[in-house]
C-alpha atoms as a PDB file:
ATOM      1  CA  UNK A   1      35.398  67.539 -11.372  1.00  0.00           C
ATOM      2  CA  UNK A   2      39.176  67.401 -11.805  1.00  0.00           C
ATOM      3  CA  UNK A   3      41.530  65.748  -9.391  1.00  0.00           C
ATOM      4  CA  UNK A   4      43.768  68.023  -7.303  1.00  0.00           C
ATOM      5  CA  UNK A   5      47.378  67.800  -8.446  1.00  0.00           C
ATOM      6  CA  UNK A   6      49.967  66.940  -5.831  1.00  0.00           C
ATOM      7  CA  UNK A   7      53.301  68.650  -5.357  1.00  0.00           C
ATOM      8  CA  UNK A   8      56.463  66.706  -6.068  1.00  0.00           C
ATOM      9  CA  UNK A   9      57.675  65.175  -2.797  1.00  0.00           C
ATOM     10  CA  UNK A  10      61.314  65.748  -3.733  1.00  0.00           C
ATOM     11  CA  UNK A  11      62.691  69.074  -4.881  1.00  0.00           C
ATOM     12  CA  UNK A  12      64.754  69.265  -8.060  1.00  0.00           C
ATOM     13  CA  UNK A  13      67.298  71.386  -6.223  1.00  0.00           C
ATOM     14  CA  UNK A  14      68.106  68.655  -3.700  1.00  0.00           C
ATOM     15  CA  UNK A  15      69.929  66.601  -6.297  1.00  0.00           C
ATOM     16  CA  UNK A  16      73.115  65.990  -4.291  1.00  0.00           C
ATOM     17  CA  UNK A  17      71.407  63.662  -1.862  1.00  0.00           C
ATOM     18  CA  UNK A  18      71.821  60.736  -1.754  1.00  0.00           C
ATOM     19  CA  UNK A  19      75.329  61.058  -3.125  1.00  0.00           C
ATOM     20  CA  UNK A  20      75.220  57.653  -4.833  1.00  0.00           C
ATOM     21  CA  UNK A  21      72.204  58.625  -6.915  1.00  0.00           C
ATOM     22  CA  UNK A  22      73.814  61.988  -7.695  1.00  0.00           C
ATOM     23  CA  UNK A  23      77.001  60.298  -8.935  1.00  0.00           C
ATOM     24  CA  UNK A  24      74.961  57.845 -10.973  1.00  0.00           C
ATOM     25  CA  UNK A  25      73.106  60.742 -12.646  1.00  0.00           C
ATOM     26  CA  UNK A  26      76.364  62.477 -13.586  1.00  0.00           C
ATOM     27  CA  UNK A  27      78.509  59.491 -14.584  1.00  0.00           C
ATOM     28  CA  UNK A  28      76.051  56.741 -15.650  1.00  0.00           C
ATOM     29  CA  UNK A  29      72.778  58.534 -16.452  1.00  0.00           C
ATOM     30  CA  UNK A  30      71.586  55.743 -18.711  1.00  0.00           C
ATOM     31  CA  UNK A  31      71.550  53.268 -15.811  1.00  0.00           C
ATOM     32  CA  UNK A  32      69.688  55.660 -13.507  1.00  0.00           C
ATOM     33  CA  UNK A  33      67.140  56.413 -16.228  1.00  0.00           C
ATOM     34  CA  UNK A  34      66.604  52.690 -16.875  1.00  0.00           C
ATOM     35  CA  UNK A  35      66.227  51.946 -13.160  1.00  0.00           C
ATOM     36  CA  UNK A  36      63.699  54.735 -12.616  1.00  0.00           C
ATOM     37  CA  UNK A  37      61.739  53.794 -15.718  1.00  0.00           C
ATOM     38  CA  UNK A  38      61.636  50.142 -14.624  1.00  0.00           C
ATOM     39  CA  UNK A  39      60.426  51.134 -11.132  1.00  0.00           C
ATOM     40  CA  UNK A  40      57.592  53.283 -12.537  1.00  0.00           C
ATOM     41  CA  UNK A  41      56.491  50.768 -15.157  1.00  0.00           C
ATOM     42  CA  UNK A  42      56.521  47.794 -12.771  1.00  0.00           C
ATOM     43  CA  UNK A  43      54.851  49.503  -9.804  1.00  0.00           C
ATOM     44  CA  UNK A  44      57.998  49.409  -7.709  1.00  0.00           C
ATOM     45  CA  UNK A  45      58.769  45.716  -8.315  1.00  0.00           C
ATOM     46  CA  UNK A  46      62.524  45.611  -8.892  1.00  0.00           C
ATOM     47  CA  UNK A  47      62.842  41.805  -8.903  1.00  0.00           C
ATOM     48  CA  UNK A  48      63.301  41.579 -12.691  1.00  0.00           C
ATOM     49  CA  UNK A  49      65.457  44.721 -13.005  1.00  0.00           C
ATOM     50  CA  UNK A  50      68.586  44.595 -15.141  1.00  0.00           C
ATOM     51  CA  UNK A  51      70.889  47.596 -15.479  1.00  0.00           C
ATOM     52  CA  UNK A  52      71.106  47.012 -19.247  1.00  0.00           C
ATOM     53  CA  UNK A  53      67.409  47.277 -20.090  1.00  0.00           C
ATOM     54  CA  UNK A  54      65.711  48.815 -23.121  1.00  0.00           C
ATOM     55  CA  UNK A  55      65.240  52.202 -21.443  1.00  0.00           C
ATOM     56  CA  UNK A  56      68.947  52.354 -20.642  1.00  0.00           C
ATOM     57  CA  UNK A  57      69.937  51.407 -24.189  1.00  0.00           C
ATOM     58  CA  UNK A  58      67.497  53.895 -25.720  1.00  0.00           C
ATOM     59  CA  UNK A  59      68.885  56.651 -23.513  1.00  0.00           C
ATOM     60  CA  UNK A  60      72.460  55.779 -24.559  1.00  0.00           C
ATOM     61  CA  UNK A  61      71.504  55.907 -28.230  1.00  0.00           C
ATOM     62  CA  UNK A  62      69.804  59.283 -27.934  1.00  0.00           C
ATOM     63  CA  UNK A  63      72.630  60.651 -25.783  1.00  0.00           C
ATOM     64  CA  UNK A  64      75.129  59.670 -28.484  1.00  0.00           C
ATOM     65  CA  UNK A  65      73.038  61.639 -30.993  1.00  0.00           C
ATOM     66  CA  UNK A  66      73.013  64.698 -28.710  1.00  0.00           C
ATOM     67  CA  UNK A  67      69.336  64.494 -27.772  1.00  0.00           C
ATOM     68  CA  UNK A  68      69.595  62.630 -24.478  1.00  0.00           C
ATOM     69  CA  UNK A  69      67.001  64.894 -22.877  1.00  0.00           C
ATOM     70  CA  UNK A  70      64.105  63.342 -24.810  1.00  0.00           C
ATOM     71  CA  UNK A  71      63.539  60.188 -22.741  1.00  0.00           C
ATOM     72  CA  UNK A  72      63.793  61.911 -19.329  1.00  0.00           C
ATOM     73  CA  UNK A  73      61.338  64.503 -20.669  1.00  0.00           C
ATOM     74  CA  UNK A  74      58.886  61.764 -21.634  1.00  0.00           C
ATOM     75  CA  UNK A  75      59.469  59.902 -18.352  1.00  0.00           C
ATOM     76  CA  UNK A  76      58.747  63.044 -16.347  1.00  0.00           C
ATOM     77  CA  UNK A  77      55.427  63.486 -18.162  1.00  0.00           C
ATOM     78  CA  UNK A  78      54.566  59.820 -17.547  1.00  0.00           C
ATOM     79  CA  UNK A  79      55.331  60.195 -13.839  1.00  0.00           C
ATOM     80  CA  UNK A  80      53.168  63.311 -13.589  1.00  0.00           C
ATOM     81  CA  UNK A  81      50.288  61.448 -15.188  1.00  0.00           C
ATOM     82  CA  UNK A  82      50.669  58.292 -13.084  1.00  0.00           C
ATOM     83  CA  UNK A  83      51.073  60.005  -9.719  1.00  0.00           C
ATOM     84  CA  UNK A  84      48.906  63.093 -10.366  1.00  0.00           C
ATOM     85  CA  UNK A  85      51.787  65.548  -9.933  1.00  0.00           C
ATOM     86  CA  UNK A  86      51.888  69.260 -10.689  1.00  0.00           C
ATOM     87  CA  UNK A  87      53.587  70.551 -13.806  1.00  0.00           C
ATOM     88  CA  UNK A  88      53.230  70.711 -17.555  1.00  0.00           C
ATOM     89  CA  UNK A  89      55.090  69.781 -20.719  1.00  0.00           C
ATOM     90  CA  UNK A  90      56.986  73.054 -20.846  1.00  0.00           C
ATOM     91  CA  UNK A  91      58.338  72.606 -17.309  1.00  0.00           C
ATOM     92  CA  UNK A  92      59.196  68.993 -18.109  1.00  0.00           C
ATOM     93  CA  UNK A  93      61.209  70.100 -21.128  1.00  0.00           C
ATOM     94  CA  UNK A  94      63.030  72.811 -19.182  1.00  0.00           C
ATOM     95  CA  UNK A  95      63.945  70.388 -16.396  1.00  0.00           C
ATOM     96  CA  UNK A  96      65.206  67.740 -18.812  1.00  0.00           C
ATOM     97  CA  UNK A  97      67.143  70.188 -20.997  1.00  0.00           C
ATOM     98  CA  UNK A  98      68.608  72.633 -18.483  1.00  0.00           C
ATOM     99  CA  UNK A  99      69.736  70.286 -15.720  1.00  0.00           C
ATOM    100  CA  UNK A 100      69.383  66.695 -16.797  1.00  0.00           C
ATOM    101  CA  UNK A 101      71.224  65.087 -13.862  1.00  0.00           C
ATOM    102  CA  UNK A 102      69.200  67.029 -11.269  1.00  0.00           C
ATOM    103  CA  UNK A 103      65.988  66.124 -13.103  1.00  0.00           C
ATOM    104  CA  UNK A 104      66.927  62.454 -13.190  1.00  0.00           C
ATOM    105  CA  UNK A 105      67.764  62.406  -9.468  1.00  0.00           C
ATOM    106  CA  UNK A 106      64.417  64.044  -8.707  1.00  0.00           C
ATOM    107  CA  UNK A 107      62.580  61.500 -10.841  1.00  0.00           C
ATOM    108  CA  UNK A 108      64.430  58.602  -9.234  1.00  0.00           C
ATOM    109  CA  UNK A 109      63.693  59.754  -5.676  1.00  0.00           C
ATOM    110  CA  UNK A 110      60.076  60.575  -6.529  1.00  0.00           C
ATOM    111  CA  UNK A 111      59.440  57.169  -8.118  1.00  0.00           C
ATOM    112  CA  UNK A 112      61.008  55.392  -5.161  1.00  0.00           C
ATOM    113  CA  UNK A 113      58.957  57.434  -2.685  1.00  0.00           C
ATOM    114  CA  UNK A 114      55.644  57.002  -4.546  1.00  0.00           C
ATOM    115  CA  UNK A 115      56.047  53.293  -5.227  1.00  0.00           C
ATOM    116  CA  UNK A 116      57.190  52.521  -1.676  1.00  0.00           C
ATOM    117  CA  UNK A 117      54.197  54.477  -0.358  1.00  0.00           C
ATOM    118  CA  UNK A 118      51.803  52.446  -2.528  1.00  0.00           C
ATOM    119  CA  UNK A 119      53.450  49.162  -1.525  1.00  0.00           C
ATOM    120  CA  UNK A 120      53.123  50.044   2.165  1.00  0.00           C
ATOM    121  CA  UNK A 121      49.421  50.803   1.812  1.00  0.00           C
ATOM    122  CA  UNK A 122      48.760  47.660  -0.207  1.00  0.00           C
ATOM    123  CA  UNK A 123      50.748  45.558   2.252  1.00  0.00           C
ATOM    124  CA  UNK A 124      48.484  46.418   5.171  1.00  0.00           C
ATOM    125  CA  UNK A 125      46.520  43.465   6.445  1.00  0.00           C
ATOM    126  CA  UNK A 126      42.950  43.339   5.251  1.00  0.00           C
ATOM    127  CA  UNK A 127      39.844  43.037   7.304  1.00  0.00           C
ATOM    128  CA  UNK A 128      38.895  39.573   8.441  1.00  0.00           C
ATOM    129  CA  UNK A 129      35.223  40.172   8.888  1.00  0.00           C
ATOM    130  CA  UNK A 130      33.558  42.718  11.101  1.00  0.00           C
ATOM    131  CA  UNK A 131      33.702  43.177  14.809  1.00  0.00           C
ATOM    132  CA  UNK A 132      31.408  40.915  16.763  1.00  0.00           C
ATOM    133  CA  UNK A 133      30.684  40.075  20.354  1.00  0.00           C
ATOM    134  CA  UNK A 134      30.532  36.524  21.532  1.00  0.00           C
ATOM    135  CA  UNK A 135      27.337  35.785  23.476  1.00  0.00           C
ATOM    136  CA  UNK A 136      27.905  35.396  27.183  1.00  0.00           C
ATOM    137  CA  UNK A 137      26.957  32.127  28.838  1.00  0.00           C
END
């Protein structure tokens, strides 16, 4: 029995909001890619995040060679697998190749949404035993 795939919470066409993330995708895509990758790999824990991480440097190197779409393509596939999202490798490639900044904004917002959702659920207080009635005197 296969698990039902979920839709992406954020649309790829809503890439202009928030404007800060949009600007980051257009002018410093390596930093946005590194931040998103760090968030996904570390289950939303951004305490050890550095803007000059290995994902950022790898993206810069591939971008300089003209194949900057490769790492966002791989990241998109990793996100689909981790969060059980709809899509396939062909769609991932098209998103990464045809509109890289929009794809990176979508990935960033999706990772933030999914990881915050998980952290909220895990942060709920646990049960402290069952319900009981004190005997009356």
